[in-house]
């Protein structure tokens, strides 16, 4: 699993621009609170089960350090802030979001029509 750091508005703009590429299924954003046990559990589950190639890049956002950017993401994609939270972005829009124990690799594969 190759985490890409999401730390600036410029990073977010690039992520949105790249979401229009035919070379990716979508782009994932994982919003993580380093102070939350549930968030740590969700991150561990992702690491253990993530078997996507570079066609589904995943960005990591530390909510404690970059709360303003998290709020910008909520506003940009019209998705209420949660932690932990996973969003899938395609063509500049959020096509899926899940939080807490609702974050599921199988749901992502089904949405993207990939084999489990």
N, C-alpha and C. Protein backbone atom coordinates (compact mmCIF):
# COMPACT_ATOMS: atom_id res chain seq x y z
N UNK A 1 0.86 -1.17 0.00
CA UNK A 1 0.00 0.00 0.00
C UNK A 1 0.90 1.23 0.00
N UNK A 2 0.61 2.13 -0.91
CA UNK A 2 1.43 3.33 -1.05
C UNK A 2 0.60 4.56 -0.69
N UNK A 3 0.72 5.02 0.57
CA UNK A 3 0.00 6.21 1.01
C UNK A 3 0.60 7.44 0.35
N UNK A 4 -0.25 8.29 -0.18
CA UNK A 4 0.16 9.59 -0.70
C UNK A 4 -0.30 10.64 0.31
N UNK A 5 0.57 11.56 0.65
CA UNK A 5 0.25 12.55 1.68
C UNK A 5 -0.66 13.64 1.11
N UNK A 6 -1.70 13.94 1.85
CA UNK A 6 -2.62 15.02 1.52
C UNK A 6 -2.48 16.07 2.62
N UNK A 7 -1.83 17.19 2.30
CA UNK A 7 -1.51 18.15 3.35
C UNK A 7 -1.81 19.60 2.98
N UNK A 8 -2.07 19.87 1.70
CA UNK A 8 -2.27 21.25 1.27
C UNK A 8 -3.45 21.35 0.31
N UNK A 9 -3.94 22.55 0.15
CA UNK A 9 -5.00 22.79 -0.84
C UNK A 9 -4.51 22.47 -2.24
N UNK A 10 -3.24 22.71 -2.49
CA UNK A 10 -2.65 22.38 -3.79
C UNK A 10 -2.67 20.86 -4.02
N UNK A 11 -2.38 20.08 -2.97
CA UNK A 11 -2.48 18.62 -3.07
C UNK A 11 -3.90 18.21 -3.46
N UNK A 12 -4.88 18.85 -2.83
CA UNK A 12 -6.28 18.53 -3.11
C UNK A 12 -6.64 18.90 -4.55
N UNK A 13 -6.19 20.05 -5.01
CA UNK A 13 -6.45 20.45 -6.40
C UNK A 13 -5.85 19.45 -7.38
N UNK A 14 -4.63 19.00 -7.12
CA UNK A 14 -4.00 18.00 -7.99
C UNK A 14 -4.76 16.68 -7.96
N UNK A 15 -5.21 16.28 -6.78
CA UNK A 15 -6.00 15.05 -6.63
C UNK A 15 -7.26 15.13 -7.49
N UNK A 16 -7.96 16.25 -7.38
CA UNK A 16 -9.20 16.44 -8.16
C UNK A 16 -8.89 16.39 -9.65
N UNK A 17 -7.85 17.08 -10.08
CA UNK A 17 -7.46 17.09 -11.50
C UNK A 17 -7.14 15.67 -11.97
N UNK A 18 -6.39 14.93 -11.16
CA UNK A 18 -6.01 13.56 -11.52
C UNK A 18 -7.19 12.60 -11.53
N UNK A 19 -8.27 12.95 -10.84
CA UNK A 19 -9.44 12.07 -10.79
C UNK A 19 -10.15 11.98 -12.15
N UNK A 20 -9.81 12.87 -13.07
CA UNK A 20 -10.40 12.84 -14.41
C UNK A 20 -9.64 11.91 -15.36
N UNK A 21 -8.53 11.38 -14.92
CA UNK A 21 -7.69 10.53 -15.76
C UNK A 21 -8.33 9.16 -15.99
N UNK A 22 -8.20 8.66 -17.22
CA UNK A 22 -8.65 7.30 -17.52
C UNK A 22 -7.68 6.26 -16.97
N UNK A 23 -6.54 6.71 -16.48
CA UNK A 23 -5.54 5.78 -15.95
C UNK A 23 -5.82 5.35 -14.52
N UNK A 24 -6.85 5.93 -13.90
CA UNK A 24 -7.23 5.54 -12.54
C UNK A 24 -8.70 5.14 -12.51
N UNK A 25 -9.01 4.15 -11.64
CA UNK A 25 -10.42 3.81 -11.41
C UNK A 25 -11.10 4.97 -10.71
N UNK A 26 -10.42 5.49 -9.71
CA UNK A 26 -10.86 6.60 -8.88
C UNK A 26 -9.66 6.96 -8.02
N UNK A 27 -9.84 7.94 -7.14
CA UNK A 27 -8.80 8.28 -6.17
C UNK A 27 -9.44 8.21 -4.79
N UNK A 28 -8.77 7.53 -3.87
CA UNK A 28 -9.27 7.37 -2.51
C UNK A 28 -8.62 8.40 -1.58
N UNK A 29 -9.42 8.88 -0.65
CA UNK A 29 -8.93 9.74 0.43
C UNK A 29 -9.30 9.05 1.74
N UNK A 30 -8.31 8.80 2.59
CA UNK A 30 -8.57 8.26 3.92
C UNK A 30 -8.29 9.35 4.94
N UNK A 31 -9.34 9.75 5.65
CA UNK A 31 -9.23 10.78 6.68
C UNK A 31 -9.09 10.06 8.02
N UNK A 32 -7.95 10.31 8.68
CA UNK A 32 -7.58 9.55 9.88
C UNK A 32 -7.31 10.48 11.06
N UNK A 33 -7.87 10.11 12.21
CA UNK A 33 -7.56 10.80 13.46
C UNK A 33 -6.59 9.95 14.26
N UNK A 34 -5.42 10.49 14.52
CA UNK A 34 -4.41 9.76 15.29
C UNK A 34 -4.79 9.64 16.76
N UNK A 35 -5.86 10.27 17.18
CA UNK A 35 -6.32 10.21 18.58
C UNK A 35 -7.50 9.26 18.78
N UNK A 36 -7.91 8.58 17.72
CA UNK A 36 -9.14 7.77 17.78
C UNK A 36 -8.82 6.30 17.55
N UNK A 37 -9.22 5.45 18.50
CA UNK A 37 -8.96 4.01 18.38
C UNK A 37 -9.71 3.40 17.19
N UNK A 38 -10.93 3.87 16.93
CA UNK A 38 -11.69 3.34 15.80
C UNK A 38 -10.99 3.70 14.48
N UNK A 39 -10.46 4.89 14.42
CA UNK A 39 -9.74 5.31 13.22
C UNK A 39 -8.48 4.46 13.02
N UNK A 40 -7.79 4.17 14.10
CA UNK A 40 -6.60 3.32 14.02
C UNK A 40 -6.97 1.92 13.56
N UNK A 41 -8.10 1.40 14.05
CA UNK A 41 -8.58 0.08 13.63
C UNK A 41 -8.92 0.09 12.13
N UNK A 42 -9.62 1.12 11.68
CA UNK A 42 -10.00 1.21 10.26
C UNK A 42 -8.75 1.30 9.38
N UNK A 43 -7.76 2.07 9.81
CA UNK A 43 -6.52 2.18 9.05
C UNK A 43 -5.82 0.82 8.96
N UNK A 44 -5.77 0.10 10.07
CA UNK A 44 -5.15 -1.24 10.08
C UNK A 44 -5.87 -2.20 9.15
N UNK A 45 -7.20 -2.15 9.16
CA UNK A 45 -7.99 -3.01 8.26
C UNK A 45 -7.69 -2.68 6.80
N UNK A 46 -7.57 -1.40 6.49
CA UNK A 46 -7.23 -1.00 5.11
C UNK A 46 -5.86 -1.53 4.72
N UNK A 47 -4.89 -1.35 5.58
CA UNK A 47 -3.53 -1.80 5.28
C UNK A 47 -3.51 -3.31 5.04
N UNK A 48 -4.23 -4.04 5.88
CA UNK A 48 -4.24 -5.50 5.79
C UNK A 48 -4.91 -5.99 4.51
N UNK A 49 -5.99 -5.33 4.08
CA UNK A 49 -6.79 -5.87 2.99
C UNK A 49 -6.67 -5.11 1.66
N UNK A 50 -5.93 -4.01 1.63
CA UNK A 50 -5.80 -3.21 0.40
C UNK A 50 -5.01 -4.00 -0.64
N UNK A 51 -5.65 -4.34 -1.73
CA UNK A 51 -4.96 -5.10 -2.78
C UNK A 51 -5.17 -4.47 -4.16
N UNK A 52 -5.32 -3.16 -4.16
CA UNK A 52 -5.47 -2.43 -5.41
C UNK A 52 -4.10 -2.04 -5.94
N UNK A 53 -4.02 -1.91 -7.25
CA UNK A 53 -2.76 -1.46 -7.84
C UNK A 53 -2.76 0.07 -7.92
N UNK A 54 -1.84 0.60 -8.70
CA UNK A 54 -1.72 2.05 -8.80
C UNK A 54 -2.92 2.71 -9.48
N UNK A 55 -3.85 1.91 -9.98
CA UNK A 55 -5.06 2.47 -10.60
C UNK A 55 -6.07 2.97 -9.57
N UNK A 56 -5.78 2.71 -8.28
CA UNK A 56 -6.59 3.29 -7.21
C UNK A 56 -5.64 3.87 -6.15
N UNK A 57 -5.08 5.05 -6.46
CA UNK A 57 -4.19 5.68 -5.48
C UNK A 57 -4.97 6.07 -4.23
N UNK A 58 -4.28 6.04 -3.08
CA UNK A 58 -4.94 6.41 -1.83
C UNK A 58 -4.14 7.51 -1.14
N UNK A 59 -4.84 8.58 -0.82
CA UNK A 59 -4.26 9.70 -0.10
C UNK A 59 -4.61 9.60 1.38
N UNK A 60 -3.65 9.97 2.21
CA UNK A 60 -3.79 9.92 3.66
C UNK A 60 -3.84 11.35 4.19
N UNK A 61 -4.90 11.65 4.96
CA UNK A 61 -5.05 12.96 5.57
C UNK A 61 -5.07 12.81 7.08
N UNK A 62 -4.10 13.40 7.75
CA UNK A 62 -4.04 13.44 9.21
C UNK A 62 -4.97 14.56 9.68
N UNK A 63 -6.11 14.18 10.24
CA UNK A 63 -7.13 15.17 10.61
C UNK A 63 -6.67 16.11 11.72
N UNK A 64 -5.85 15.61 12.62
CA UNK A 64 -5.40 16.45 13.73
C UNK A 64 -4.50 17.56 13.20
N UNK A 65 -3.61 17.21 12.32
CA UNK A 65 -2.65 18.18 11.79
C UNK A 65 -3.26 19.09 10.72
N UNK A 66 -4.22 18.57 9.94
CA UNK A 66 -4.74 19.31 8.79
C UNK A 66 -6.27 19.42 8.84
N UNK A 67 -6.80 19.87 9.95
CA UNK A 67 -8.25 19.95 10.13
C UNK A 67 -8.89 20.90 9.10
N UNK A 68 -8.24 22.01 8.81
CA UNK A 68 -8.80 22.95 7.83
C UNK A 68 -8.95 22.30 6.46
N UNK A 69 -7.99 21.47 6.08
CA UNK A 69 -8.07 20.77 4.80
C UNK A 69 -9.21 19.75 4.82
N UNK A 70 -9.41 19.10 5.95
CA UNK A 70 -10.54 18.18 6.09
C UNK A 70 -11.86 18.91 5.89
N UNK A 71 -11.97 20.10 6.47
CA UNK A 71 -13.19 20.91 6.28
C UNK A 71 -13.36 21.31 4.82
N UNK A 72 -12.25 21.63 4.15
CA UNK A 72 -12.30 21.98 2.73
C UNK A 72 -12.80 20.79 1.91
N UNK A 73 -12.35 19.59 2.25
CA UNK A 73 -12.80 18.38 1.55
C UNK A 73 -14.30 18.18 1.75
N UNK A 74 -14.77 18.38 2.98
CA UNK A 74 -16.21 18.24 3.26
C UNK A 74 -17.01 19.23 2.41
N UNK A 75 -16.54 20.46 2.32
CA UNK A 75 -17.23 21.48 1.52
C UNK A 75 -17.15 21.18 0.02
N UNK A 76 -15.99 20.78 -0.45
CA UNK A 76 -15.76 20.52 -1.88
C UNK A 76 -16.65 19.39 -2.39
N UNK A 77 -16.76 18.32 -1.59
CA UNK A 77 -17.47 17.13 -2.06
C UNK A 77 -18.85 16.95 -1.43
N UNK A 78 -19.27 17.94 -0.64
CA UNK A 78 -20.60 17.93 -0.01
C UNK A 78 -20.83 16.66 0.81
N UNK A 79 -19.81 16.29 1.58
CA UNK A 79 -19.86 15.09 2.43
C UNK A 79 -19.55 15.53 3.85
N UNK A 80 -20.46 15.23 4.77
CA UNK A 80 -20.25 15.59 6.16
C UNK A 80 -18.97 14.96 6.70
N UNK A 81 -18.21 15.74 7.44
CA UNK A 81 -16.96 15.25 8.03
C UNK A 81 -17.22 14.11 9.00
N UNK A 82 -16.45 13.05 8.86
CA UNK A 82 -16.45 11.92 9.79
C UNK A 82 -14.99 11.52 10.00
N UNK A 83 -14.76 10.75 11.03
CA UNK A 83 -13.43 10.21 11.27
C UNK A 83 -13.56 8.87 11.99
N UNK A 84 -12.97 7.85 11.40
CA UNK A 84 -12.28 7.80 10.12
C UNK A 84 -13.28 7.86 8.97
N UNK A 85 -12.79 8.21 7.82
CA UNK A 85 -13.66 8.32 6.65
C UNK A 85 -12.86 8.01 5.39
N UNK A 86 -13.49 7.31 4.47
CA UNK A 86 -12.89 7.03 3.17
C UNK A 86 -13.80 7.59 2.10
N UNK A 87 -13.23 8.36 1.18
CA UNK A 87 -13.97 8.91 0.05
C UNK A 87 -13.34 8.41 -1.23
N UNK A 88 -14.15 8.14 -2.23
CA UNK A 88 -13.67 7.83 -3.58
C UNK A 88 -14.04 8.99 -4.49
N UNK A 89 -13.05 9.52 -5.18
CA UNK A 89 -13.25 10.67 -6.05
C UNK A 89 -13.01 10.25 -7.50
N UNK A 90 -13.97 10.56 -8.36
CA UNK A 90 -13.84 10.29 -9.80
C UNK A 90 -14.44 11.47 -10.55
N UNK A 91 -13.71 11.96 -11.53
CA UNK A 91 -14.16 13.09 -12.34
C UNK A 91 -14.58 14.28 -11.49
N UNK A 92 -13.80 14.51 -10.42
CA UNK A 92 -14.03 15.67 -9.57
C UNK A 92 -15.17 15.56 -8.59
N UNK A 93 -15.79 14.40 -8.51
CA UNK A 93 -16.95 14.21 -7.62
C UNK A 93 -16.72 13.04 -6.68
N UNK A 94 -17.34 13.11 -5.51
CA UNK A 94 -17.29 11.99 -4.57
C UNK A 94 -18.33 10.96 -5.02
N UNK A 95 -17.86 9.78 -5.41
CA UNK A 95 -18.77 8.73 -5.89
C UNK A 95 -19.10 7.71 -4.80
N UNK A 96 -18.39 7.81 -3.68
CA UNK A 96 -18.63 6.89 -2.55
C UNK A 96 -17.95 7.46 -1.32
N UNK A 97 -18.62 7.30 -0.19
CA UNK A 97 -17.96 7.63 1.08
C UNK A 97 -18.50 6.70 2.15
N UNK A 98 -17.63 6.38 3.09
CA UNK A 98 -17.99 5.51 4.20
C UNK A 98 -17.18 5.94 5.41
N UNK A 99 -17.71 5.63 6.57
CA UNK A 99 -16.99 5.99 7.78
C UNK A 99 -17.05 4.86 8.80
N UNK A 100 -16.16 4.96 9.76
CA UNK A 100 -16.07 4.01 10.87
C UNK A 100 -15.97 2.57 10.35
N UNK A 101 -16.78 1.66 10.90
CA UNK A 101 -16.69 0.26 10.48
C UNK A 101 -17.37 0.02 9.13
N UNK A 102 -17.98 1.06 8.58
CA UNK A 102 -18.60 0.94 7.26
C UNK A 102 -17.61 0.99 6.11
N UNK A 103 -16.34 1.25 6.41
CA UNK A 103 -15.31 1.28 5.37
C UNK A 103 -15.02 -0.16 4.95
N UNK A 104 -15.29 -0.49 3.69
CA UNK A 104 -15.21 -1.88 3.23
C UNK A 104 -14.52 -1.98 1.87
N UNK A 105 -13.49 -2.79 1.82
CA UNK A 105 -12.79 -3.06 0.55
C UNK A 105 -13.75 -3.70 -0.45
N UNK A 106 -14.58 -4.63 0.02
CA UNK A 106 -15.53 -5.29 -0.88
C UNK A 106 -16.52 -4.30 -1.49
N UNK A 107 -16.97 -3.33 -0.70
CA UNK A 107 -17.87 -2.31 -1.24
C UNK A 107 -17.18 -1.50 -2.34
N UNK A 108 -15.91 -1.18 -2.11
CA UNK A 108 -15.15 -0.42 -3.12
C UNK A 108 -15.03 -1.24 -4.40
N UNK A 109 -14.68 -2.51 -4.26
CA UNK A 109 -14.54 -3.38 -5.44
C UNK A 109 -15.86 -3.51 -6.18
N UNK A 110 -16.93 -3.66 -5.44
CA UNK A 110 -18.25 -3.78 -6.08
C UNK A 110 -18.59 -2.49 -6.83
N UNK A 111 -18.37 -1.36 -6.20
CA UNK A 111 -18.66 -0.08 -6.83
C UNK A 111 -17.84 0.11 -8.11
N UNK A 112 -16.57 -0.27 -8.05
CA UNK A 112 -15.68 -0.10 -9.20
C UNK A 112 -15.75 -1.27 -10.17
N UNK A 113 -16.62 -2.24 -9.85
CA UNK A 113 -16.82 -3.43 -10.67
C UNK A 113 -15.52 -4.20 -10.87
N UNK A 114 -14.81 -4.40 -9.75
CA UNK A 114 -13.58 -5.18 -9.74
C UNK A 114 -13.85 -6.52 -9.07
N UNK A 115 -13.11 -7.53 -9.44
CA UNK A 115 -13.29 -8.85 -8.83
C UNK A 115 -12.66 -8.88 -7.45
N UNK A 116 -13.32 -9.57 -6.53
CA UNK A 116 -12.78 -9.73 -5.17
C UNK A 116 -11.69 -10.76 -5.15
